[in-house]
Amino acid sequence: MLYNLFQNVLFLCFKFLHTVFKSRHQLWTEYRILTGLICITDIHYRIATKFWGDIGSRRVYSTFGKPFSKTSNGWIFNTGRDSK
């Protein structure tokens, strides 16, 4: 779910960069910026999966370390009283 969000953000960044760098001699700059964004996103995803397991698993931790649980209704904050 979070990885799909990253992909959507990267796509919007690509569309923005494509409108900014329209001339042919600036396409290389657009390519370098886009590959840099993809690299940063990939590094962030790898760090998150290393410390907190699979992003698509049942439990995902936010930046502050608070656990969230995936239910049929979406993501809810885990109060620590959930049953396994």
PDB file of N, CA and C in Angstrom:
ATOM      1  N   MET A   1       0.823  -1.189   0.000  1.00  0.00           N
ATOM      2  CA  MET A   1       0.000   0.000   0.000  1.00  0.00           C
ATOM      3  C   MET A   1       0.872   1.260   0.000  1.00  0.00           C
ATOM      4  N   LEU A   2       1.871   1.295   0.884  1.00  0.00           N
ATOM      5  CA  LEU A   2       2.748   2.458   0.923  1.00  0.00           C
ATOM      6  C   LEU A   2       3.636   2.524  -0.312  1.00  0.00           C
ATOM      7  N   TYR A   3       4.022   1.353  -0.820  1.00  0.00           N
ATOM      8  CA  TYR A   3       4.881   1.351  -2.003  1.00  0.00           C
ATOM      9  C   TYR A   3       4.118   1.880  -3.209  1.00  0.00           C
ATOM     10  N   ASN A   4       2.804   1.559  -3.307  1.00  0.00           N
ATOM     11  CA  ASN A   4       1.983   2.107  -4.381  1.00  0.00           C
ATOM     12  C   ASN A   4       1.866   3.617  -4.255  1.00  0.00           C
ATOM     13  N   LEU A   5       1.797   4.109  -3.029  1.00  0.00           N
ATOM     14  CA  LEU A   5       1.759   5.551  -2.811  1.00  0.00           C
ATOM     15  C   LEU A   5       3.053   6.191  -3.298  1.00  0.00           C
ATOM     16  N   PHE A   6       4.196   5.553  -3.022  1.00  0.00           N
ATOM     17  CA  PHE A   6       5.467   6.067  -3.513  1.00  0.00           C
ATOM     18  C   PHE A   6       5.506   6.092  -5.036  1.00  0.00           C
ATOM     19  N   GLN A   7       4.954   5.054  -5.664  1.00  0.00           N
ATOM     20  CA  GLN A   7       4.935   5.012  -7.120  1.00  0.00           C
ATOM     21  C   GLN A   7       4.087   6.140  -7.686  1.00  0.00           C
ATOM     22  N   ASN A   8       2.948   6.426  -7.053  1.00  0.00           N
ATOM     23  CA  ASN A   8       2.096   7.517  -7.518  1.00  0.00           C
ATOM     24  C   ASN A   8       2.785   8.862  -7.352  1.00  0.00           C
ATOM     25  N   VAL A   9       3.493   9.036  -6.256  1.00  0.00           N
ATOM     26  CA  VAL A   9       4.224  10.290  -6.031  1.00  0.00           C
ATOM     27  C   VAL A   9       5.331  10.445  -7.073  1.00  0.00           C
ATOM     28  N   LEU A  10       6.032   9.360  -7.367  1.00  0.00           N
ATOM     29  CA  LEU A  10       7.080   9.430  -8.383  1.00  0.00           C
ATOM     30  C   LEU A  10       6.503   9.761  -9.754  1.00  0.00           C
ATOM     31  N   PHE A  11       5.340   9.202 -10.066  1.00  0.00           N
ATOM     32  CA  PHE A  11       4.702   9.497 -11.346  1.00  0.00           C
ATOM     33  C   PHE A  11       4.332  10.972 -11.434  1.00  0.00           C
ATOM     34  N   LEU A  12       3.793  11.539 -10.347  1.00  0.00           N
ATOM     35  CA  LEU A  12       3.450  12.959 -10.349  1.00  0.00           C
ATOM     36  C   LEU A  12       4.704  13.826 -10.460  1.00  0.00           C
ATOM     37  N   CYS A  13       5.790  13.401  -9.810  1.00  0.00           N
ATOM     38  CA  CYS A  13       7.052  14.136  -9.944  1.00  0.00           C
ATOM     39  C   CYS A  13       7.548  14.088 -11.384  1.00  0.00           C
ATOM     40  N   PHE A  14       7.409  12.930 -12.020  1.00  0.00           N
ATOM     41  CA  PHE A  14       7.820  12.803 -13.415  1.00  0.00           C
ATOM     42  C   PHE A  14       7.006  13.729 -14.308  1.00  0.00           C
ATOM     43  N   LYS A  15       5.690  13.773 -14.098  1.00  0.00           N
ATOM     44  CA  LYS A  15       4.845  14.664 -14.904  1.00  0.00           C
ATOM     45  C   LYS A  15       5.230  16.124 -14.686  1.00  0.00           C
ATOM     46  N   PHE A  16       5.520  16.498 -13.439  1.00  0.00           N
ATOM     47  CA  PHE A  16       5.935  17.866 -13.145  1.00  0.00           C
ATOM     48  C   PHE A  16       7.259  18.194 -13.830  1.00  0.00           C
ATOM     49  N   LEU A  17       8.225  17.276 -13.699  1.00  0.00           N
ATOM     50  CA  LEU A  17       9.526  17.510 -14.314  1.00  0.00           C
ATOM     51  C   LEU A  17       9.423  17.566 -15.829  1.00  0.00           C
ATOM     52  N   HIS A  18       8.532  16.767 -16.376  1.00  0.00           N
ATOM     53  CA  HIS A  18       8.368  16.734 -17.821  1.00  0.00           C
ATOM     54  C   HIS A  18       7.805  18.064 -18.333  1.00  0.00           C
ATOM     55  N   THR A  19       6.929  18.685 -17.562  1.00  0.00           N
ATOM     56  CA  THR A  19       6.404  19.986 -17.986  1.00  0.00           C
ATOM     57  C   THR A  19       7.438  21.096 -17.773  1.00  0.00           C
ATOM     58  N   VAL A  20       8.298  20.963 -16.764  1.00  0.00           N
ATOM     59  CA  VAL A  20       9.317  21.984 -16.510  1.00  0.00           C
ATOM     60  C   VAL A  20      10.435  21.912 -17.547  1.00  0.00           C
ATOM     61  N   PHE A  21      10.936  20.702 -17.801  1.00  0.00           N
ATOM     62  CA  PHE A  21      12.058  20.528 -18.726  1.00  0.00           C
ATOM     63  C   PHE A  21      11.530  20.054 -20.075  1.00  0.00           C
ATOM     64  N   LYS A  22      10.963  20.964 -20.842  1.00  0.00           N
ATOM     65  CA  LYS A  22      10.353  20.582 -22.126  1.00  0.00           C
ATOM     66  C   LYS A  22      11.367  20.502 -23.256  1.00  0.00           C
ATOM     67  N   SER A  23      12.391  21.307 -23.208  1.00  0.00           N
ATOM     68  CA  SER A  23      13.337  21.316 -24.324  1.00  0.00           C
ATOM     69  C   SER A  23      14.191  20.054 -24.311  1.00  0.00           C
ATOM     70  N   ARG A  24      14.701  19.710 -25.472  1.00  0.00           N
ATOM     71  CA  ARG A  24      15.434  18.450 -25.617  1.00  0.00           C
ATOM     72  C   ARG A  24      16.750  18.442 -24.852  1.00  0.00           C
ATOM     73  N   HIS A  25      17.421  19.572 -24.753  1.00  0.00           N
ATOM     74  CA  HIS A  25      18.716  19.575 -24.080  1.00  0.00           C
ATOM     75  C   HIS A  25      18.564  19.483 -22.567  1.00  0.00           C
ATOM     76  N   GLN A  26      17.339  19.613 -22.041  1.00  0.00           N
ATOM     77  CA  GLN A  26      17.124  19.498 -20.600  1.00  0.00           C
ATOM     78  C   GLN A  26      16.571  18.128 -20.204  1.00  0.00           C
ATOM     79  N   LEU A  27      16.372  17.243 -21.170  1.00  0.00           N
ATOM     80  CA  LEU A  27      15.846  15.918 -20.845  1.00  0.00           C
ATOM     81  C   LEU A  27      16.814  15.125 -19.979  1.00  0.00           C
ATOM     82  N   TRP A  28      18.124  15.337 -20.165  1.00  0.00           N
ATOM     83  CA  TRP A  28      19.106  14.624 -19.342  1.00  0.00           C
ATOM     84  C   TRP A  28      18.980  15.038 -17.891  1.00  0.00           C
ATOM     85  N   THR A  29      18.725  16.313 -17.634  1.00  0.00           N
ATOM     86  CA  THR A  29      18.520  16.784 -16.257  1.00  0.00           C
ATOM     87  C   THR A  29      17.277  16.153 -15.663  1.00  0.00           C
ATOM     88  N   GLU A  30      16.204  16.070 -16.450  1.00  0.00           N
ATOM     89  CA  GLU A  30      14.973  15.426 -15.979  1.00  0.00           C
ATOM     90  C   GLU A  30      15.233  13.969 -15.632  1.00  0.00           C
ATOM     91  N   TYR A  31      15.986  13.281 -16.470  1.00  0.00           N
ATOM     92  CA  TYR A  31      16.292  11.872 -16.234  1.00  0.00           C
ATOM     93  C   TYR A  31      17.102  11.689 -14.952  1.00  0.00           C
ATOM     94  N   ARG A  32      18.095  12.547 -14.745  1.00  0.00           N
ATOM     95  CA  ARG A  32      18.924  12.429 -13.539  1.00  0.00           C
ATOM     96  C   ARG A  32      18.117  12.702 -12.276  1.00  0.00           C
ATOM     97  N   ILE A  33      17.238  13.697 -12.306  1.00  0.00           N
ATOM     98  CA  ILE A  33      16.412  13.996 -11.134  1.00  0.00           C
ATOM     99  C   ILE A  33      15.455  12.844 -10.853  1.00  0.00           C
ATOM    100  N   LEU A  34      14.847  12.305 -11.894  1.00  0.00           N
ATOM    101  CA  LEU A  34      13.889  11.215 -11.712  1.00  0.00           C
ATOM    102  C   LEU A  34      14.579   9.964 -11.174  1.00  0.00           C
ATOM    103  N   THR A  35      15.742   9.619 -11.706  1.00  0.00           N
ATOM    104  CA  THR A  35      16.443   8.440 -11.197  1.00  0.00           C
ATOM    105  C   THR A  35      16.915   8.654  -9.765  1.00  0.00           C
ATOM    106  N   GLY A  36      17.239   9.898  -9.405  1.00  0.00           N
ATOM    107  CA  GLY A  36      17.590  10.198  -8.020  1.00  0.00           C
ATOM    108  C   GLY A  36      16.410  10.000  -7.092  1.00  0.00           C
ATOM    109  N   LEU A  37      15.221  10.410  -7.519  1.00  0.00           N
ATOM    110  CA  LEU A  37      14.017  10.208  -6.707  1.00  0.00           C
ATOM    111  C   LEU A  37      13.707   8.726  -6.540  1.00  0.00           C
ATOM    112  N   ILE A  38      13.860   7.968  -7.612  1.00  0.00           N
ATOM    113  CA  ILE A  38      13.607   6.526  -7.534  1.00  0.00           C
ATOM    114  C   ILE A  38      14.609   5.869  -6.590  1.00  0.00           C
ATOM    115  N   CYS A  39      15.864   6.291  -6.658  1.00  0.00           N
ATOM    116  CA  CYS A  39      16.900   5.724  -5.783  1.00  0.00           C
ATOM    117  C   CYS A  39      16.594   6.033  -4.320  1.00  0.00           C
ATOM    118  N   ILE A  40      16.207   7.288  -4.023  1.00  0.00           N
ATOM    119  CA  ILE A  40      15.876   7.666  -2.649  1.00  0.00           C
ATOM    120  C   ILE A  40      14.685   6.858  -2.146  1.00  0.00           C
ATOM    121  N   THR A  41      13.654   6.701  -2.988  1.00  0.00           N
ATOM    122  CA  THR A  41      12.468   5.935  -2.592  1.00  0.00           C
ATOM    123  C   THR A  41      12.822   4.480  -2.340  1.00  0.00           C
ATOM    124  N   ASP A  42      13.660   3.911  -3.196  1.00  0.00           N
ATOM    125  CA  ASP A  42      14.053   2.517  -3.032  1.00  0.00           C
ATOM    126  C   ASP A  42      14.856   2.324  -1.752  1.00  0.00           C
ATOM    127  N   ILE A  43      15.753   3.249  -1.445  1.00  0.00           N
ATOM    128  CA  ILE A  43      16.544   3.148  -0.212  1.00  0.00           C
ATOM    129  C   ILE A  43      15.626   3.250   1.008  1.00  0.00           C
ATOM    130  N   HIS A  44      14.660   4.184   0.962  1.00  0.00           N
ATOM    131  CA  HIS A  44      13.726   4.339   2.080  1.00  0.00           C
ATOM    132  C   HIS A  44      12.907   3.063   2.271  1.00  0.00           C
ATOM    133  N   TYR A  45      12.449   2.465   1.165  1.00  0.00           N
ATOM    134  CA  TYR A  45      11.657   1.233   1.245  1.00  0.00           C
ATOM    135  C   TYR A  45      12.489   0.090   1.820  1.00  0.00           C
ATOM    136  N   ARG A  46      13.746  -0.016   1.409  1.00  0.00           N
ATOM    137  CA  ARG A  46      14.603  -1.094   1.918  1.00  0.00           C
ATOM    138  C   ARG A  46      14.888  -0.921   3.399  1.00  0.00           C
ATOM    139  N   ILE A  47      15.116   0.325   3.830  1.00  0.00           N
ATOM    140  CA  ILE A  47      15.356   0.575   5.255  1.00  0.00           C
ATOM    141  C   ILE A  47      14.109   0.227   6.061  1.00  0.00           C
ATOM    142  N   ALA A  48      12.934   0.636   5.559  1.00  0.00           N
ATOM    143  CA  ALA A  48      11.697   0.361   6.277  1.00  0.00           C
ATOM    144  C   ALA A  48      11.430  -1.134   6.377  1.00  0.00           C
ATOM    145  N   THR A  49      11.669  -1.875   5.293  1.00  0.00           N
ATOM    146  CA  THR A  49      11.434  -3.309   5.344  1.00  0.00           C
ATOM    147  C   THR A  49      12.469  -4.016   6.212  1.00  0.00           C
ATOM    148  N   LYS A  50      13.680  -3.465   6.298  1.00  0.00           N
ATOM    149  CA  LYS A  50      14.703  -4.096   7.133  1.00  0.00           C
ATOM    150  C   LYS A  50      14.342  -3.976   8.614  1.00  0.00           C
ATOM    151  N   PHE A  51      13.871  -2.803   9.026  1.00  0.00           N
ATOM    152  CA  PHE A  51      13.598  -2.590  10.441  1.00  0.00           C
ATOM    153  C   PHE A  51      12.209  -3.067  10.866  1.00  0.00           C
ATOM    154  N   TRP A  52      11.217  -2.969   9.966  1.00  0.00           N
ATOM    155  CA  TRP A  52       9.839  -3.254  10.373  1.00  0.00           C
ATOM    156  C   TRP A  52       9.197  -4.388   9.596  1.00  0.00           C
ATOM    157  N   GLY A  53       9.962  -5.142   8.837  1.00  0.00           N
ATOM    158  CA  GLY A  53       9.391  -6.243   8.093  1.00  0.00           C
ATOM    159  C   GLY A  53       8.709  -5.755   6.824  1.00  0.00           C
ATOM    160  N   ASP A  54       7.962  -6.637   6.218  1.00  0.00           N
ATOM    161  CA  ASP A  54       7.308  -6.337   4.952  1.00  0.00           C
ATOM    162  C   ASP A  54       6.288  -5.216   5.132  1.00  0.00           C
ATOM    163  N   ILE A  55       6.338  -4.217   4.249  1.00  0.00           N
ATOM    164  CA  ILE A  55       5.399  -3.097   4.316  1.00  0.00           C
ATOM    165  C   ILE A  55       3.969  -3.597   4.102  1.00  0.00           C
ATOM    166  N   GLY A  56       3.803  -4.631   3.324  1.00  0.00           N
ATOM    167  CA  GLY A  56       2.469  -5.140   3.052  1.00  0.00           C
ATOM    168  C   GLY A  56       1.957  -6.106   4.112  1.00  0.00           C
ATOM    169  N   SER A  57       2.698  -6.295   5.181  1.00  0.00           N
ATOM    170  CA  SER A  57       2.268  -7.223   6.217  1.00  0.00           C
ATOM    171  C   SER A  57       1.209  -6.592   7.108  1.00  0.00           C
ATOM    172  N   ARG A  58       0.787  -7.331   8.116  1.00  0.00           N
ATOM    173  CA  ARG A  58      -0.323  -6.895   8.966  1.00  0.00           C
ATOM    174  C   ARG A  58       0.011  -5.647   9.754  1.00  0.00           C
ATOM    175  N   ARG A  59       1.223  -5.542  10.252  1.00  0.00           N
ATOM    176  CA  ARG A  59       1.577  -4.422  11.123  1.00  0.00           C
ATOM    177  C   ARG A  59       2.620  -3.529  10.452  1.00  0.00           C
ATOM    178  N   VAL A  60       2.346  -2.260  10.441  1.00  0.00           N
ATOM    179  CA  VAL A  60       3.265  -1.271   9.867  1.00  0.00           C
ATOM    180  C   VAL A  60       3.507  -0.202  10.917  1.00  0.00           C
ATOM    181  N   TYR A  61       4.745   0.223  11.052  1.00  0.00           N
ATOM    182  CA  TYR A  61       5.088   1.225  12.047  1.00  0.00           C
ATOM    183  C   TYR A  61       5.277   2.579  11.379  1.00  0.00           C
ATOM    184  N   SER A  62       4.771   3.594  12.015  1.00  0.00           N
ATOM    185  CA  SER A  62       4.922   4.944  11.482  1.00  0.00           C
ATOM    186  C   SER A  62       6.308   5.468  11.811  1.00  0.00           C
ATOM    187  N   THR A  63       6.552   6.709  11.453  1.00  0.00           N
ATOM    188  CA  THR A  63       7.853   7.326  11.710  1.00  0.00           C
ATOM    189  C   THR A  63       8.136   7.399  13.202  1.00  0.00           C
ATOM    190  N   PHE A  64       7.096   7.535  14.015  1.00  0.00           N
ATOM    191  CA  PHE A  64       7.275   7.673  15.450  1.00  0.00           C
ATOM    192  C   PHE A  64       7.268   6.329  16.166  1.00  0.00           C
ATOM    193  N   GLY A  65       7.171   5.228  15.450  1.00  0.00           N
ATOM    194  CA  GLY A  65       7.210   3.915  16.056  1.00  0.00           C
ATOM    195  C   GLY A  65       5.886   3.446  16.612  1.00  0.00           C
ATOM    196  N   LYS A  66       4.795   4.115  16.283  1.00  0.00           N
ATOM    197  CA  LYS A  66       3.488   3.701  16.775  1.00  0.00           C
ATOM    198  C   LYS A  66       2.917   2.645  15.829  1.00  0.00           C
ATOM    199  N   PRO A  67       2.496   1.520  16.364  1.00  0.00           N
ATOM    200  CA  PRO A  67       2.010   0.456  15.479  1.00  0.00           C
ATOM    201  C   PRO A  67       0.625   0.753  14.921  1.00  0.00           C
ATOM    202  N   PHE A  68       0.442   0.399  13.672  1.00  0.00           N
ATOM    203  CA  PHE A  68      -0.850   0.461  13.026  1.00  0.00           C
ATOM    204  C   PHE A  68      -1.207  -0.935  12.549  1.00  0.00           C
ATOM    205  N   SER A  69      -2.484  -1.251  12.565  1.00  0.00           N
ATOM    206  CA  SER A  69      -2.935  -2.565  12.140  1.00  0.00           C
ATOM    207  C   SER A  69      -3.841  -2.431  10.934  1.00  0.00           C
ATOM    208  N   LYS A  70      -3.725  -3.392  10.027  1.00  0.00           N
ATOM    209  CA  LYS A  70      -4.596  -3.409   8.854  1.00  0.00           C
ATOM    210  C   LYS A  70      -5.812  -4.266   9.151  1.00  0.00           C
ATOM    211  N   THR A  71      -6.989  -3.675   8.969  1.00  0.00           N
ATOM    212  CA  THR A  71      -8.232  -4.394   9.139  1.00  0.00           C
ATOM    213  C   THR A  71      -8.987  -4.373   7.821  1.00  0.00           C
ATOM    214  N   SER A  72     -10.159  -4.973   7.814  1.00  0.00           N
ATOM    215  CA  SER A  72     -10.969  -4.953   6.599  1.00  0.00           C
ATOM    216  C   SER A  72     -11.459  -3.550   6.271  1.00  0.00           C
ATOM    217  N   ASN A  73     -11.484  -2.669   7.274  1.00  0.00           N
ATOM    218  CA  ASN A  73     -11.928  -1.287   7.053  1.00  0.00           C
ATOM    219  C   ASN A  73     -10.782  -0.342   6.754  1.00  0.00           C
ATOM    220  N   GLY A  74      -9.562  -0.833   6.732  1.00  0.00           N
ATOM    221  CA  GLY A  74      -8.398   0.014   6.466  1.00  0.00           C
ATOM    222  C   GLY A  74      -7.408  -0.061   7.611  1.00  0.00           C
ATOM    223  N   TRP A  75      -6.589   0.969   7.737  1.00  0.00           N
ATOM    224  CA  TRP A  75      -5.542   0.996   8.759  1.00  0.00           C
ATOM    225  C   TRP A  75      -6.070   1.686  10.003  1.00  0.00           C
ATOM    226  N   ILE A  76      -5.855   1.060  11.187  1.00  0.00           N
ATOM    227  CA  ILE A  76      -6.282   1.660  12.447  1.00  0.00           C
ATOM    228  C   ILE A  76      -5.095   1.701  13.396  1.00  0.00           C
ATOM    229  N   PHE A  77      -5.137   2.628  14.319  1.00  0.00           N
ATOM    230  CA  PHE A  77      -4.078   2.722  15.319  1.00  0.00           C
ATOM    231  C   PHE A  77      -4.236   1.600  16.324  1.00  0.00           C
ATOM    232  N   ASN A  78      -3.153   0.915  16.608  1.00  0.00           N
ATOM    233  CA  ASN A  78      -3.169  -0.210  17.531  1.00  0.00           C
ATOM    234  C   ASN A  78      -2.978   0.308  18.954  1.00  0.00           C
ATOM    235  N   THR A  79      -3.950   0.027  19.799  1.00  0.00           N
ATOM    236  CA  THR A  79      -3.882   0.498  21.183  1.00  0.00           C
ATOM    237  C   THR A  79      -3.093  -0.450  22.068  1.00  0.00           C
ATOM    238  N   GLY A  80      -2.646  -1.577  21.521  1.00  0.00           N
ATOM    239  CA  GLY A  80      -1.888  -2.539  22.306  1.00  0.00           C
ATOM    240  C   GLY A  80      -2.768  -3.620  22.900  1.00  0.00           C
ATOM    241  N   ARG A  81      -4.078  -3.525  22.698  1.00  0.00           N
ATOM    242  CA  ARG A  81      -5.001  -4.522  23.239  1.00  0.00           C
ATOM    243  C   ARG A  81      -5.570  -5.409  22.144  1.00  0.00           C
ATOM    244  N   ASP A  82      -4.940  -5.425  20.980  1.00  0.00           N
ATOM    245  CA  ASP A  82      -5.485  -6.232  19.886  1.00  0.00           C
ATOM    246  C   ASP A  82      -5.157  -7.702  20.109  1.00  0.00           C
ATOM    247  N   SER A  83      -6.034  -8.541  19.624  1.00  0.00           N
ATOM    248  CA  SER A  83      -5.793  -9.988  19.728  1.00  0.00           C
ATOM    249  C   SER A  83      -5.091 -10.442  18.464  1.00  0.00           C
ATOM    250  N   LYS A  84      -4.219 -11.425  18.616  1.00  0.00           N
ATOM    251  CA  LYS A  84      -3.456 -11.905  17.463  1.00  0.00           C
ATOM    252  C   LYS A  84      -4.198 -12.999  16.748  1.00  0.00           C
TER     253      LYS A  84
END
